[in-house]
Amino acid sequence: MLSSDLLVYAYLNGTFPMAHPDEGNDIFWHTPQMRGIIPLDDQFKVPKNLRRLYNKKPYDFTINNAFEQVIKLCAELRTEDTWISEEIQQAYIDLHHKGLAHSFEAWDGDFLVGGLYGVSLGKAFFGESMFHRAPNASKLCLVFLVEFLREKNFQLLDSQYLNPHLIQFGAYEISHDEYMGKLNKAVNMG
């Protein structure tokens, strides 16, 4: 059974869980040899059109107003089989109740149009998943997250793996050893 305490232990050791639908939703632990990182300094790149849109404030942004809804939508709206099983969802909801998992949301009125969630330990944030139900809503949530993390002096934004969506923002890979050095430093700053 996946527990919030086990999740914290795993994150502190550079590991994270994913359920594998083709394996009966069994949970496997991932420790990538190359780790995706989103920069929090001036290397974080926001495409000009997206920056313009963000500055127009098309949505209302909130933190932790709809964690359970965000994680459920991240699971439901994936186009491929989701790794966010019911067991994973419950463990992160428990972690949220302990104040260690957080959601960042975009609202159009009362309608949740985008969001992301992750885990915070010290000055490290571990991004887990994002969703959108309106154009650019998840990307705008990422910009909102980075601005929040900068304001709070976070040192590490872990994206686990790279994908084209994150590379456009300046995400890059580092070795596991380099990641663990950055992780230990960031966690101990909190």
C-alpha atoms as a PDB file:
ATOM      1  CA  MET A   1       0.000   0.000   0.000  1.00  0.00           C
ATOM      2  CA  LEU A   2       1.379   3.380  -1.030  1.00  0.00           C
ATOM      3  CA  SER A   3       1.515   5.798   1.901  1.00  0.00           C
ATOM      4  CA  SER A   4       2.348   9.477   2.243  1.00  0.00           C
ATOM      5  CA  ASP A   5       5.355   8.584   4.442  1.00  0.00           C
ATOM      6  CA  LEU A   6       6.687   6.239   1.770  1.00  0.00           C
ATOM      7  CA  LEU A   7       6.246   8.991  -0.844  1.00  0.00           C
ATOM      8  CA  VAL A   8       8.295  11.437   1.227  1.00  0.00           C
ATOM      9  CA  TYR A   9      11.026   8.831   1.739  1.00  0.00           C
ATOM     10  CA  ALA A  10      11.086   8.106  -2.002  1.00  0.00           C
ATOM     11  CA  TYR A  11      11.309  11.773  -3.020  1.00  0.00           C
ATOM     12  CA  LEU A  12      14.141  12.392  -0.580  1.00  0.00           C
ATOM     13  CA  ASN A  13      16.003   9.528  -2.260  1.00  0.00           C
ATOM     14  CA  GLY A  14      15.445  10.627  -5.856  1.00  0.00           C
ATOM     15  CA  THR A  15      12.647   8.169  -6.622  1.00  0.00           C
ATOM     16  CA  PHE A  16       8.972   8.536  -7.528  1.00  0.00           C
ATOM     17  CA  PRO A  17       6.091   6.117  -8.198  1.00  0.00           C
ATOM     18  CA  MET A  18       4.092   5.466 -11.344  1.00  0.00           C
ATOM     19  CA  ALA A  19       1.320   2.939 -11.772  1.00  0.00           C
ATOM     20  CA  HIS A  20       1.553   0.835 -14.913  1.00  0.00           C
ATOM     21  CA  PRO A  21      -1.901   0.152 -16.407  1.00  0.00           C
ATOM     22  CA  ASP A  22      -0.517  -2.661 -18.596  1.00  0.00           C
ATOM     23  CA  GLU A  23       0.731  -4.367 -15.406  1.00  0.00           C
ATOM     24  CA  GLY A  24      -2.607  -4.286 -13.563  1.00  0.00           C
ATOM     25  CA  ASN A  25      -1.875  -0.810 -12.158  1.00  0.00           C
ATOM     26  CA  ASP A  26       1.016  -2.174 -10.117  1.00  0.00           C
ATOM     27  CA  ILE A  27       3.205   0.642  -8.853  1.00  0.00           C
ATOM     28  CA  PHE A  28       6.790   0.810 -10.047  1.00  0.00           C
ATOM     29  CA  TRP A  29       9.459   3.085  -8.614  1.00  0.00           C
ATOM     30  CA  HIS A  30      11.390   5.276 -11.054  1.00  0.00           C
ATOM     31  CA  THR A  31      14.885   6.634 -10.498  1.00  0.00           C
ATOM     32  CA  PRO A  32      15.921   8.173 -13.826  1.00  0.00           C
ATOM     33  CA  GLN A  33      19.625   8.295 -14.569  1.00  0.00           C
ATOM     34  CA  MET A  34      18.951  11.598 -16.346  1.00  0.00           C
ATOM     35  CA  ARG A  35      16.510  13.878 -14.545  1.00  0.00           C
ATOM     36  CA  GLY A  36      14.370  16.636 -16.046  1.00  0.00           C
ATOM     37  CA  ILE A  37      14.736  20.033 -14.385  1.00  0.00           C
ATOM     38  CA  ILE A  38      12.854  23.270 -15.060  1.00  0.00           C
ATOM     39  CA  PRO A  39      15.091  26.261 -14.334  1.00  0.00           C
ATOM     40  CA  LEU A  40      13.929  28.814 -11.797  1.00  0.00           C
ATOM     41  CA  ASP A  41      16.429  31.477 -12.840  1.00  0.00           C
ATOM     42  CA  ASP A  42      16.501  33.572 -16.007  1.00  0.00           C
ATOM     43  CA  GLN A  43      16.971  30.367 -18.049  1.00  0.00           C
ATOM     44  CA  PHE A  44      13.227  29.736 -17.643  1.00  0.00           C
ATOM     45  CA  LYS A  45      11.828  30.757 -21.025  1.00  0.00           C
ATOM     46  CA  VAL A  46       8.259  31.838 -21.615  1.00  0.00           C
ATOM     47  CA  PRO A  47       7.352  32.112 -25.313  1.00  0.00           C
ATOM     48  CA  LYS A  48       6.422  35.730 -26.176  1.00  0.00           C
ATOM     49  CA  ASN A  49       2.812  34.946 -27.111  1.00  0.00           C
ATOM     50  CA  LEU A  50       2.318  33.015 -23.886  1.00  0.00           C
ATOM     51  CA  ARG A  51       3.885  35.815 -21.812  1.00  0.00           C
ATOM     52  CA  ARG A  52       1.532  38.324 -23.462  1.00  0.00           C
ATOM     53  CA  LEU A  53      -1.435  36.075 -22.697  1.00  0.00           C
ATOM     54  CA  TYR A  54      -0.311  35.583 -19.086  1.00  0.00           C
ATOM     55  CA  ASN A  55       0.029  39.339 -18.592  1.00  0.00           C
ATOM     56  CA  LYS A  56      -3.575  39.808 -19.801  1.00  0.00           C
ATOM     57  CA  LYS A  57      -4.680  37.569 -16.896  1.00  0.00           C
ATOM     58  CA  PRO A  58      -7.200  35.465 -18.844  1.00  0.00           C
ATOM     59  CA  TYR A  59      -7.791  33.207 -15.829  1.00  0.00           C
ATOM     60  CA  ASP A  60      -7.851  33.505 -12.074  1.00  0.00           C
ATOM     61  CA  PHE A  61      -4.976  31.548 -10.519  1.00  0.00           C
ATOM     62  CA  THR A  62      -5.204  29.892  -7.119  1.00  0.00           C
ATOM     63  CA  ILE A  63      -3.167  27.540  -4.970  1.00  0.00           C
ATOM     64  CA  ASN A  64      -4.620  24.513  -3.171  1.00  0.00           C
ATOM     65  CA  ASN A  65      -8.255  25.435  -3.825  1.00  0.00           C
ATOM     66  CA  ALA A  66      -9.075  22.208  -5.678  1.00  0.00           C
ATOM     67  CA  PHE A  67      -6.328  19.643  -5.091  1.00  0.00           C
ATOM     68  CA  GLU A  68      -8.533  16.558  -5.371  1.00  0.00           C
ATOM     69  CA  GLN A  69     -10.208  17.876  -8.503  1.00  0.00           C
ATOM     70  CA  VAL A  70      -6.830  18.666 -10.085  1.00  0.00           C
ATOM     71  CA  ILE A  71      -5.321  15.225  -9.476  1.00  0.00           C
ATOM     72  CA  LYS A  72      -8.492  13.487 -10.709  1.00  0.00           C
ATOM     73  CA  LEU A  73      -8.563  15.592 -13.890  1.00  0.00           C
ATOM     74  CA  CYS A  74      -4.856  14.933 -14.471  1.00  0.00           C
ATOM     75  CA  ALA A  75      -5.702  11.213 -14.417  1.00  0.00           C
ATOM     76  CA  GLU A  76      -8.931  11.420 -16.445  1.00  0.00           C
ATOM     77  CA  LEU A  77      -7.798  13.753 -19.226  1.00  0.00           C
ATOM     78  CA  ARG A  78      -4.636  11.933 -20.249  1.00  0.00           C
ATOM     79  CA  THR A  79      -4.859  10.714 -23.834  1.00  0.00           C
ATOM     80  CA  GLU A  80      -2.888   7.533 -23.110  1.00  0.00           C
ATOM     81  CA  ASP A  81      -3.318   5.140 -20.210  1.00  0.00           C
ATOM     82  CA  THR A  82      -2.742   7.028 -17.008  1.00  0.00           C
ATOM     83  CA  TRP A  83      -0.079   6.242 -14.449  1.00  0.00           C
ATOM     84  CA  ILE A  84      -2.160   8.118 -11.847  1.00  0.00           C
ATOM     85  CA  SER A  85      -4.089   5.173 -10.453  1.00  0.00           C
ATOM     86  CA  GLU A  86      -6.660   5.396  -7.656  1.00  0.00           C
ATOM     87  CA  GLU A  87      -3.990   4.278  -5.189  1.00  0.00           C
ATOM     88  CA  ILE A  88      -1.604   6.990  -6.391  1.00  0.00           C
ATOM     89  CA  GLN A  89      -4.370   9.595  -6.173  1.00  0.00           C
ATOM     90  CA  GLN A  90      -5.223   8.660  -2.596  1.00  0.00           C
ATOM     91  CA  ALA A  91      -1.594   8.740  -1.456  1.00  0.00           C
ATOM     92  CA  TYR A  92      -1.103  12.241  -2.906  1.00  0.00           C
ATOM     93  CA  ILE A  93      -4.405  13.428  -1.426  1.00  0.00           C
ATOM     94  CA  ASP A  94      -3.142  12.207   1.964  1.00  0.00           C
ATOM     95  CA  LEU A  95       0.137  14.033   1.325  1.00  0.00           C
ATOM     96  CA  HIS A  96      -1.872  17.168   0.486  1.00  0.00           C
ATOM     97  CA  HIS A  97      -3.713  16.909   3.810  1.00  0.00           C
ATOM     98  CA  LYS A  98      -0.281  16.858   5.489  1.00  0.00           C
ATOM     99  CA  GLY A  99       0.640  20.088   3.693  1.00  0.00           C
ATOM    100  CA  LEU A 100       3.250  18.560   1.370  1.00  0.00           C
ATOM    101  CA  ALA A 101       1.366  18.194  -1.929  1.00  0.00           C
ATOM    102  CA  HIS A 102      -0.003  21.273  -3.671  1.00  0.00           C
ATOM    103  CA  SER A 103      -2.136  22.211  -6.631  1.00  0.00           C
ATOM    104  CA  PHE A 104      -1.953  25.309  -8.798  1.00  0.00           C
ATOM    105  CA  GLU A 105      -5.203  26.063 -10.594  1.00  0.00           C
ATOM    106  CA  ALA A 106      -6.525  28.229 -13.430  1.00  0.00           C
ATOM    107  CA  TRP A 107     -10.201  29.228 -13.318  1.00  0.00           C
ATOM    108  CA  ASP A 108     -12.533  30.786 -15.837  1.00  0.00           C
ATOM    109  CA  GLY A 109     -15.218  31.951 -13.449  1.00  0.00           C
ATOM    110  CA  ASP A 110     -16.247  28.860 -11.483  1.00  0.00           C
ATOM    111  CA  PHE A 111     -14.905  26.451 -14.134  1.00  0.00           C
ATOM    112  CA  LEU A 112     -11.523  24.815 -13.505  1.00  0.00           C
ATOM    113  CA  VAL A 113      -9.794  25.083 -16.891  1.00  0.00           C
ATOM    114  CA  GLY A 114      -6.288  23.967 -15.991  1.00  0.00           C
ATOM    115  CA  GLY A 115      -4.024  22.880 -13.212  1.00  0.00           C
ATOM    116  CA  LEU A 116      -0.982  21.040 -12.030  1.00  0.00           C
ATOM    117  CA  TYR A 117       0.075  19.359  -8.829  1.00  0.00           C
ATOM    118  CA  GLY A 118       3.271  18.324  -7.143  1.00  0.00           C
ATOM    119  CA  VAL A 119       5.117  17.809  -3.899  1.00  0.00           C
ATOM    120  CA  SER A 120       7.071  20.351  -1.873  1.00  0.00           C
ATOM    121  CA  LEU A 121       9.910  19.393   0.475  1.00  0.00           C
ATOM    122  CA  GLY A 122      12.117  22.174   1.791  1.00  0.00           C
ATOM    123  CA  LYS A 123      12.916  24.402  -1.174  1.00  0.00           C
ATOM    124  CA  ALA A 124      12.371  21.625  -3.752  1.00  0.00           C
ATOM    125  CA  PHE A 125       9.169  21.220  -5.765  1.00  0.00           C
ATOM    126  CA  PHE A 126       8.508  17.964  -7.605  1.00  0.00           C
ATOM    127  CA  GLY A 127       6.089  18.501 -10.487  1.00  0.00           C
ATOM    128  CA  GLU A 128       3.848  15.503 -11.052  1.00  0.00           C
ATOM    129  CA  SER A 129       1.229  16.173 -13.701  1.00  0.00           C
ATOM    130  CA  MET A 130      -0.842  18.881 -15.363  1.00  0.00           C
ATOM    131  CA  PHE A 131      -4.054  19.152 -17.366  1.00  0.00           C
ATOM    132  CA  HIS A 132      -5.981  21.701 -19.399  1.00  0.00           C
ATOM    133  CA  ARG A 133      -9.564  22.109 -20.547  1.00  0.00           C
ATOM    134  CA  ALA A 134      -8.936  25.467 -22.229  1.00  0.00           C
ATOM    135  CA  PRO A 135      -6.121  26.548 -24.563  1.00  0.00           C
ATOM    136  CA  ASN A 136      -2.811  27.212 -22.810  1.00  0.00           C
ATOM    137  CA  ALA A 137      -4.303  26.808 -19.313  1.00  0.00           C
ATOM    138  CA  SER A 138      -1.727  24.252 -18.120  1.00  0.00           C
ATOM    139  CA  LYS A 139       1.148  26.275 -19.585  1.00  0.00           C
ATOM    140  CA  LEU A 140      -0.103  29.380 -17.806  1.00  0.00           C
ATOM    141  CA  CYS A 141      -0.295  27.384 -14.557  1.00  0.00           C
ATOM    142  CA  LEU A 142       3.350  26.448 -15.041  1.00  0.00           C
ATOM    143  CA  VAL A 143       4.293  30.125 -15.404  1.00  0.00           C
ATOM    144  CA  PHE A 144       2.261  30.880 -12.264  1.00  0.00           C
ATOM    145  CA  LEU A 145       4.032  28.037 -10.415  1.00  0.00           C
ATOM    146  CA  VAL A 146       7.505  29.275 -11.413  1.00  0.00           C
ATOM    147  CA  GLU A 147       6.687  32.820 -10.309  1.00  0.00           C
ATOM    148  CA  PHE A 148       5.445  31.478  -6.965  1.00  0.00           C
ATOM    149  CA  LEU A 149       8.533  29.292  -6.465  1.00  0.00           C
ATOM    150  CA  ARG A 150      10.853  32.190  -7.290  1.00  0.00           C
ATOM    151  CA  GLU A 151       9.050  34.419  -4.803  1.00  0.00           C
ATOM    152  CA  LYS A 152       9.465  31.742  -2.104  1.00  0.00           C
ATOM    153  CA  ASN A 153      13.169  31.207  -2.935  1.00  0.00           C
ATOM    154  CA  PHE A 154      12.796  27.605  -4.134  1.00  0.00           C
ATOM    155  CA  GLN A 155      15.994  26.108  -5.522  1.00  0.00           C
ATOM    156  CA  LEU A 156      14.769  23.079  -7.489  1.00  0.00           C
ATOM    157  CA  LEU A 157      11.833  22.371  -9.807  1.00  0.00           C
ATOM    158  CA  ASP A 158      11.943  18.685 -10.740  1.00  0.00           C
ATOM    159  CA  SER A 159      10.000  17.638 -13.839  1.00  0.00           C
ATOM    160  CA  GLN A 160      11.163  13.991 -13.632  1.00  0.00           C
ATOM    161  CA  TYR A 161      11.402  13.450 -17.391  1.00  0.00           C
ATOM    162  CA  LEU A 162      11.662  15.826 -20.341  1.00  0.00           C
ATOM    163  CA  ASN A 163       9.052  16.281 -23.035  1.00  0.00           C
ATOM    164  CA  PRO A 164       8.679  18.825 -25.870  1.00  0.00           C
ATOM    165  CA  HIS A 165       6.120  20.775 -23.814  1.00  0.00           C
ATOM    166  CA  LEU A 166       8.705  21.391 -21.059  1.00  0.00           C
ATOM    167  CA  ILE A 167      11.737  21.866 -23.310  1.00  0.00           C
ATOM    168  CA  GLN A 168      10.151  25.022 -24.768  1.00  0.00           C
ATOM    169  CA  PHE A 169      10.378  26.516 -21.256  1.00  0.00           C
ATOM    170  CA  GLY A 170      14.100  25.785 -20.995  1.00  0.00           C
ATOM    171  CA  ALA A 171      13.847  22.444 -19.188  1.00  0.00           C
ATOM    172  CA  TYR A 172      16.991  20.341 -19.367  1.00  0.00           C
ATOM    173  CA  GLU A 173      18.457  17.110 -18.013  1.00  0.00           C
ATOM    174  CA  ILE A 174      21.078  16.512 -15.362  1.00  0.00           C
ATOM    175  CA  SER A 175      22.665  13.285 -14.152  1.00  0.00           C
ATOM    176  CA  HIS A 176      21.279  11.442 -11.157  1.00  0.00           C
ATOM    177  CA  ASP A 177      24.347  12.339  -9.079  1.00  0.00           C
ATOM    178  CA  GLU A 178      24.029  16.050  -9.907  1.00  0.00           C
ATOM    179  CA  TYR A 179      20.302  15.860  -9.195  1.00  0.00           C
ATOM    180  CA  MET A 180      20.880  14.319  -5.758  1.00  0.00           C
ATOM    181  CA  GLY A 181      23.335  17.106  -4.906  1.00  0.00           C
ATOM    182  CA  LYS A 182      20.806  19.776  -5.879  1.00  0.00           C
ATOM    183  CA  LEU A 183      18.014  17.885  -4.123  1.00  0.00           C
ATOM    184  CA  ASN A 184      19.881  17.537  -0.826  1.00  0.00           C
ATOM    185  CA  LYS A 185      20.827  21.213  -0.849  1.00  0.00           C
ATOM    186  CA  ALA A 186      17.264  22.358  -1.649  1.00  0.00           C
ATOM    187  CA  VAL A 187      15.573  20.073   0.878  1.00  0.00           C
ATOM    188  CA  ASN A 188      17.897  21.170   3.666  1.00  0.00           C
ATOM    189  CA  MET A 189      17.138  24.855   2.990  1.00  0.00           C
ATOM    190  CA  GLY A 190      13.515  24.433   4.060  1.00  0.00           C
END
